[in-house]
Amino acid sequence: MKRATLLIAAAAGTAAVAAWLWLPAHFAMAGSASGQAQSAAAKGAGTEKGAAQASAKPAAGGFSFAVGGDPSAQQQSAAAQAETPAERARKQQLRKLGYMIDARYYQMSLADLRMAASRGDPQALTHLAERYLFQLDGHPREPDYEADFRYREEAREALQQAYARGNLHAAAIISESYLLDKQPEEAAAWNLVARRSGDTLSADWLLKTKDYQALTDQQKASAAQRANQLWQSLQRRKGAG
C-alpha cells in the first residue's frame, strides 16, 4: 500500500537531499509495484520549488528511484503525450547512462531481487540498492527489515557492481548517499566520478549545494585525488567482469 507522507529533512541542506528522503514514502510494500518521486538532483533542480515541481510532474515509466517515474504508469505516460525528438534523445541518453529500470524489478520480492542481483544483473543491483537506501535503511517497521544489516554499505557495494556492469548513473547515487551521511568530501569524489562518466545530469546539482560550497580548496583537491583512486578501482572491476 502506497504511503503519501512527505518526509522533510530540515537539516539536509539542499532540496536534492530532501527529495531523496522523500522517496521511501512512495515505495510500496515488498513484492508490489512502487510509485516514485522525481528527484530534484537528477532534474537539476536546486530549490524547493524545483523539487516540488519535479515530484509533481508525471515521469516516464521505468526510471529508477534516483530519477523518478511510476512503472505502473508506463503505458499511460506514453499515450498521454507525443514524444518529441528532443525528448526521445534525452531518454536515449538516460537509458545509456543507466537511469532506466524495467518495471518488472519494482514488482519483485526482496528475495527475488537479491537473486537477480547475485547473477550480476545491473538493473537488479541498482534497484536492490535503492530499496536498501530508501525503503529499508532506518525503517524497522518494514516487513523485510533486518536489524543487523548494513544497508548503506551493502547498497554502495551493489551500486559499484552495477557501475562496473554498465550503469554509469550508479556513481551519482553513491555520491548522494554520502551527502546524506554528512560526508561531503566523499560525495564530491563520487560526483567527480559521475561527471567523468558523462552523467552531468546528476553531477551538476552538487556544485550548487551548501555542503559542496563549504568545502575548502584543500578538501576539493583531496576529493579529486580520491576520485582518481575510485576511478581506477572501478575500471579494474570492469576489467575483471
Protein backbone atom coordinates (compact mmCIF):
# COMPACT_ATOMS: atom_id res chain seq x y z
CA MET A 1 0.00 0.00 0.00
CA LYS A 2 1.45 3.35 -1.02
CA ARG A 3 2.27 5.82 1.72
CA ALA A 4 1.77 9.50 1.00
CA THR A 5 3.61 11.12 3.92
CA LEU A 6 6.26 13.65 2.88
CA LEU A 7 9.44 13.39 4.93
CA ILE A 8 11.07 16.80 5.30
CA ALA A 9 14.69 16.88 6.44
CA ALA A 10 15.26 20.31 7.94
CA ALA A 11 18.98 19.76 8.32
CA ALA A 12 19.57 18.24 4.92
CA GLY A 13 20.93 21.49 3.50
CA THR A 14 19.61 21.03 -0.03
CA ALA A 15 16.33 20.31 -1.78
CA ALA A 16 18.07 17.45 -3.57
CA VAL A 17 18.69 15.63 -0.31
CA ALA A 18 15.12 16.27 0.81
CA ALA A 19 13.91 14.68 -2.40
CA TRP A 20 15.97 11.59 -1.64
CA LEU A 21 14.48 11.36 1.85
CA TRP A 22 11.00 11.72 0.37
CA LEU A 23 11.39 8.69 -1.85
CA PRO A 24 10.86 5.97 0.80
CA ALA A 25 7.38 7.26 1.50
CA HIS A 26 6.38 6.36 -2.03
CA PHE A 27 7.73 2.84 -2.13
CA ALA A 28 5.06 0.14 -1.95
CA MET A 29 5.41 -2.90 0.31
CA ALA A 30 7.93 -5.51 -0.92
CA GLY A 31 6.66 -7.59 -3.80
CA SER A 32 4.28 -4.94 -5.16
CA ALA A 33 4.64 -2.21 -7.74
CA SER A 34 6.09 1.03 -6.39
CA GLY A 35 5.35 4.70 -7.03
CA GLN A 36 8.31 7.04 -7.07
CA ALA A 37 9.05 10.73 -6.80
CA GLN A 38 11.00 12.78 -9.32
CA SER A 39 14.49 13.58 -8.00
CA ALA A 40 15.42 17.23 -7.83
CA ALA A 41 19.05 16.28 -8.27
CA ALA A 42 18.57 14.37 -11.49
CA LYS A 43 16.36 17.09 -12.91
CA GLY A 44 18.94 19.72 -12.00
CA ALA A 45 16.58 21.44 -9.54
CA GLY A 46 18.41 23.23 -6.75
CA THR A 47 15.44 24.81 -4.97
CA GLU A 48 12.46 23.61 -3.00
CA LYS A 49 10.23 24.91 -5.79
CA GLY A 50 12.16 22.87 -8.32
CA ALA A 51 11.89 19.78 -6.15
CA ALA A 52 8.15 20.25 -5.76
CA GLN A 53 7.68 20.71 -9.49
CA ALA A 54 9.79 17.65 -10.18
CA SER A 55 7.85 15.49 -7.74
CA ALA A 56 4.51 16.63 -9.13
CA LYS A 57 5.37 16.12 -12.78
CA PRO A 58 4.48 12.70 -14.22
CA ALA A 59 7.62 10.86 -15.34
CA ALA A 60 8.24 8.25 -17.95
CA GLY A 61 7.80 4.74 -16.61
CA GLY A 62 10.79 2.63 -15.76
CA PHE A 63 13.01 5.32 -14.30
CA SER A 64 14.95 4.41 -11.21
CA PHE A 65 14.16 5.97 -7.84
CA ALA A 66 17.02 8.40 -8.32
CA VAL A 67 15.19 9.91 -11.27
CA GLY A 68 11.57 9.12 -10.51
CA GLY A 69 8.87 7.53 -12.61
CA ASP A 70 6.00 5.23 -11.86
CA PRO A 71 6.40 1.84 -13.59
CA SER A 72 2.65 1.27 -13.40
CA ALA A 73 2.11 4.44 -15.45
CA GLN A 74 4.45 3.48 -18.27
CA GLN A 75 1.80 2.88 -20.92
CA GLN A 76 -0.40 5.75 -19.71
CA SER A 77 2.52 8.17 -19.92
CA ALA A 78 3.37 7.05 -23.44
CA ALA A 79 -0.19 7.51 -24.58
CA ALA A 80 -0.67 10.83 -22.82
CA GLN A 81 1.75 12.84 -24.90
CA ALA A 82 3.52 12.66 -28.22
CA GLU A 83 7.25 12.22 -27.82
CA THR A 84 9.31 14.99 -29.37
CA PRO A 85 12.72 14.33 -30.97
CA ALA A 86 14.38 16.19 -28.10
CA GLU A 87 12.57 14.09 -25.51
CA ARG A 88 13.46 10.93 -27.41
CA ALA A 89 17.13 11.93 -27.44
CA ARG A 90 17.02 12.71 -23.74
CA LYS A 91 15.54 9.32 -22.92
CA GLN A 92 18.14 7.58 -25.06
CA GLN A 93 20.87 9.36 -23.10
CA LEU A 94 19.24 8.43 -19.80
CA ARG A 95 18.99 4.82 -20.89
CA LYS A 96 22.63 4.81 -21.99
CA LEU A 97 23.76 6.14 -18.61
CA GLY A 98 21.63 3.62 -16.71
CA TYR A 99 18.75 5.74 -15.46
CA MET A 100 16.11 3.44 -16.91
CA ILE A 101 14.99 0.41 -14.91
CA ASP A 102 12.44 -2.04 -16.23
CA ALA A 103 9.13 -2.03 -14.36
CA ARG A 104 9.36 -5.73 -13.52
CA TYR A 105 12.14 -5.09 -10.99
CA TYR A 106 9.80 -2.94 -8.90
CA GLN A 107 7.39 -5.86 -8.66
CA MET A 108 9.98 -8.38 -7.40
CA SER A 109 10.12 -9.57 -3.83
CA LEU A 110 13.32 -8.70 -1.99
CA ALA A 111 14.44 -12.35 -2.19
CA ASP A 112 13.94 -12.48 -5.96
CA LEU A 113 15.64 -9.13 -6.41
CA ARG A 114 18.64 -10.32 -4.42
CA MET A 115 18.79 -13.46 -6.52
CA ALA A 116 18.78 -11.44 -9.74
CA ALA A 117 21.44 -9.13 -8.33
CA SER A 118 23.63 -12.10 -7.38
CA ARG A 119 23.70 -13.03 -11.07
CA GLY A 120 25.21 -9.64 -11.89
CA ASP A 121 22.10 -8.04 -13.39
CA PRO A 122 22.92 -4.28 -13.32
CA GLN A 123 19.28 -3.20 -13.11
CA ALA A 124 18.62 -5.62 -10.25
CA LEU A 125 21.76 -4.41 -8.47
CA THR A 126 20.68 -0.79 -8.86
CA HIS A 127 17.13 -1.30 -7.67
CA LEU A 128 18.30 -3.51 -4.80
CA ALA A 129 20.50 -0.62 -3.67
CA GLU A 130 17.52 1.73 -3.96
CA ARG A 131 15.42 -0.50 -1.75
CA TYR A 132 18.20 -0.70 0.80
CA LEU A 133 18.68 3.07 0.84
CA PHE A 134 15.08 4.28 0.55
CA GLN A 135 12.78 1.56 1.79
CA LEU A 136 14.70 -0.32 4.46
CA ASP A 137 17.53 1.77 5.90
CA GLY A 138 16.25 3.31 9.11
CA HIS A 139 12.76 1.82 8.71
CA PRO A 140 12.49 -1.04 11.23
CA ARG A 141 8.75 -1.38 10.70
CA GLU A 142 9.20 -2.53 7.12
CA PRO A 143 8.43 -6.28 6.78
CA ASP A 144 11.82 -7.03 5.16
CA TYR A 145 13.86 -5.01 7.65
CA GLU A 146 16.89 -6.81 9.14
CA ALA A 147 18.19 -5.22 12.32
CA ASP A 148 21.89 -6.02 11.87
CA PHE A 149 22.05 -5.45 8.12
CA ARG A 150 24.41 -2.70 6.94
CA TYR A 151 22.08 -1.21 4.37
CA ARG A 152 24.10 1.78 3.19
CA GLU A 153 27.34 -0.16 2.89
CA GLU A 154 25.63 -3.01 1.02
CA ALA A 155 23.81 -0.52 -1.21
CA ARG A 156 27.07 1.17 -2.18
CA GLU A 157 28.68 -2.18 -2.92
CA ALA A 158 25.72 -3.15 -5.13
CA LEU A 159 25.95 0.20 -6.91
CA GLN A 160 29.66 -0.25 -7.57
CA GLN A 161 28.91 -3.64 -9.08
CA ALA A 162 26.14 -2.06 -11.16
CA TYR A 163 28.53 0.65 -12.34
CA ALA A 164 31.09 -1.95 -13.39
CA ARG A 165 28.36 -3.66 -15.40
CA GLY A 166 27.33 -0.54 -17.28
CA ASN A 167 25.10 1.57 -15.04
CA LEU A 168 27.14 4.78 -15.05
CA HIS A 169 24.47 6.63 -13.08
CA ALA A 170 25.31 4.46 -10.07
CA ALA A 171 28.23 6.76 -9.21
CA ALA A 172 25.86 9.72 -8.74
CA ILE A 173 23.59 7.67 -6.48
CA ILE A 174 26.60 6.75 -4.33
CA SER A 175 27.55 10.43 -4.22
CA GLU A 176 24.13 11.42 -2.90
CA SER A 177 24.20 8.62 -0.33
CA TYR A 178 27.38 10.08 1.13
CA LEU A 179 25.82 13.51 1.24
CA LEU A 180 23.05 12.00 3.36
CA ASP A 181 25.77 10.67 5.65
CA LYS A 182 27.20 14.17 6.04
CA GLN A 183 30.37 13.19 4.20
CA PRO A 184 30.55 15.94 1.55
CA GLU A 185 34.18 15.27 0.62
CA GLU A 186 33.43 11.65 -0.27
CA ALA A 187 30.25 12.81 -2.01
CA ALA A 188 32.35 15.23 -4.06
CA ALA A 189 34.75 12.44 -5.01
CA TRP A 190 31.96 10.21 -6.30
CA ASN A 191 30.40 13.21 -8.01
CA LEU A 192 33.62 13.67 -9.97
CA VAL A 193 33.44 10.00 -10.96
CA ALA A 194 29.88 10.55 -12.17
CA ARG A 195 30.95 13.62 -14.14
CA ARG A 196 33.88 11.78 -15.69
CA SER A 197 31.45 9.02 -16.69
CA GLY A 198 29.31 11.53 -18.58
CA ASP A 199 26.49 11.74 -16.04
CA THR A 200 26.42 15.53 -15.85
CA LEU A 201 22.64 15.46 -15.47
CA SER A 202 23.04 14.35 -11.88
CA ALA A 203 26.55 15.70 -11.31
CA ASP A 204 25.83 19.41 -11.82
CA TRP A 205 23.42 19.72 -8.89
CA LEU A 206 26.08 19.03 -6.25
CA LEU A 207 28.05 22.14 -7.16
CA LYS A 208 25.11 24.29 -6.03
CA THR A 209 24.67 22.69 -2.63
CA LYS A 210 25.75 24.35 0.58
CA ASP A 211 27.67 21.22 1.52
CA TYR A 212 29.85 21.38 -1.56
CA GLN A 213 30.31 25.13 -1.43
CA ALA A 214 31.50 24.82 2.19
CA LEU A 215 34.40 22.60 1.14
CA THR A 216 37.82 24.22 1.23
CA ASP A 217 40.17 24.16 -1.74
CA GLN A 218 42.23 21.58 0.10
CA GLN A 219 39.19 19.36 0.62
CA LYS A 220 38.25 19.67 -3.05
CA ALA A 221 41.79 18.73 -4.04
CA SER A 222 41.59 15.74 -1.70
CA ALA A 223 38.25 14.77 -3.27
CA ALA A 224 39.81 14.93 -6.73
CA GLN A 225 42.63 12.64 -5.61
CA ARG A 226 40.12 10.25 -4.08
CA ALA A 227 38.08 10.33 -7.31
CA ASN A 228 41.14 9.18 -9.26
CA GLN A 229 41.53 6.25 -6.88
CA LEU A 230 37.86 5.36 -7.20
CA TRP A 231 38.02 5.61 -10.98
CA GLN A 232 40.96 3.22 -11.16
CA SER A 233 39.25 0.78 -8.80
CA LEU A 234 36.06 0.86 -10.88
CA GLN A 235 37.99 0.33 -14.10
CA ARG A 236 39.64 -2.74 -12.57
CA ARG A 237 36.21 -4.03 -11.64
CA LYS A 238 35.06 -3.54 -15.20
CA GLY A 239 38.07 -5.45 -16.46
CA ALA A 240 37.51 -8.28 -14.01
CA GLY A 241 33.87 -8.55 -15.02
